[in-house]
């Protein structure tokens, strides 16, 4: 593997942590602006207000846990 391929590989490995950080920033910006945010936890979707209160919106299926690299087909 040449140096440019190694650099690309290194950058690609950063994508999951960078995207997680971006989601966290967007969440807190929305809350700070006084907006409500939808979050998924405990097999449900909840609406979270800026004051921290949560309102149940909808039940959802349990998370699907699969090994990294596995292809999952969702009908």
Protein backbone atom coordinates (compact mmCIF):
# COMPACT_ATOMS: atom_id res chain seq x y z
CA UNK A 1 0.00 0.00 0.00
CA UNK A 2 1.50 3.35 -1.01
CA UNK A 3 1.43 6.46 1.18
CA UNK A 4 -1.62 8.04 -0.49
CA UNK A 5 -3.60 4.82 -0.03
CA UNK A 6 -2.54 4.72 3.62
CA UNK A 7 -3.63 8.32 4.07
CA UNK A 8 -7.04 7.61 2.53
CA UNK A 9 -7.42 4.49 4.66
CA UNK A 10 -6.56 6.49 7.79
CA UNK A 11 -9.09 9.20 6.91
CA UNK A 12 -11.81 6.65 6.15
CA UNK A 13 -11.32 5.11 9.59
CA UNK A 14 -12.12 8.53 11.12
CA UNK A 15 -15.58 8.75 9.51
CA UNK A 16 -17.54 6.94 12.27
CA UNK A 17 -16.19 9.10 15.09
CA UNK A 18 -16.53 12.31 13.07
CA UNK A 19 -20.13 11.53 12.14
CA UNK A 20 -20.98 10.70 15.77
CA UNK A 21 -19.49 14.02 16.86
CA UNK A 22 -21.49 15.88 14.17
CA UNK A 23 -24.74 14.27 15.38
CA UNK A 24 -23.96 15.27 18.97
CA UNK A 25 -23.26 18.87 17.94
CA UNK A 26 -26.49 19.05 15.90
CA UNK A 27 -28.47 17.65 18.85
CA UNK A 28 -27.12 20.23 21.30
CA UNK A 29 -27.51 23.10 18.84
CA UNK A 30 -31.18 22.20 18.32
CA UNK A 31 -31.79 21.90 22.07
CA UNK A 32 -29.98 25.18 22.74
CA UNK A 33 -32.19 26.88 20.12
CA UNK A 34 -35.25 25.74 22.07
CA UNK A 35 -36.31 23.13 19.53
CA UNK A 36 -37.60 19.66 20.24
CA UNK A 37 -35.47 16.70 19.14
CA UNK A 38 -36.46 13.11 18.41
CA UNK A 39 -34.27 10.42 19.95
CA UNK A 40 -34.34 6.65 19.83
CA UNK A 41 -33.88 4.74 23.08
CA UNK A 42 -35.39 1.80 24.96
CA UNK A 43 -37.18 0.51 21.83
CA UNK A 44 -39.05 3.77 21.40
CA UNK A 45 -38.89 7.20 19.82
CA UNK A 46 -39.07 10.10 22.25
CA UNK A 47 -39.46 13.84 21.76
CA UNK A 48 -36.98 15.69 23.99
CA UNK A 49 -37.64 19.34 24.85
CA UNK A 50 -35.05 21.96 25.72
CA UNK A 51 -35.95 21.65 29.43
CA UNK A 52 -35.03 17.94 29.33
CA UNK A 53 -38.56 16.56 29.45
CA UNK A 54 -39.29 13.49 27.31
CA UNK A 55 -42.52 12.54 25.61
CA UNK A 56 -43.07 9.06 24.18
CA UNK A 57 -43.93 9.18 20.45
CA UNK A 58 -43.81 5.66 19.06
CA UNK A 59 -42.61 2.13 19.82
CA UNK A 60 -39.97 0.70 17.49
CA UNK A 61 -38.42 -2.72 16.95
CA UNK A 62 -35.31 -3.76 18.86
CA UNK A 63 -31.96 -2.81 17.40
CA UNK A 64 -30.48 -5.19 14.89
CA UNK A 65 -26.98 -6.26 15.91
CA UNK A 66 -24.79 -7.54 13.10
CA UNK A 67 -21.02 -7.98 12.71
CA UNK A 68 -19.12 -5.24 10.89
CA UNK A 69 -19.07 -5.80 7.15
CA UNK A 70 -22.25 -7.89 7.08
CA UNK A 71 -24.79 -6.96 4.44
CA UNK A 72 -28.35 -6.77 5.68
CA UNK A 73 -31.30 -6.65 3.35
CA UNK A 74 -34.32 -4.83 4.72
CA UNK A 75 -37.50 -5.58 2.79
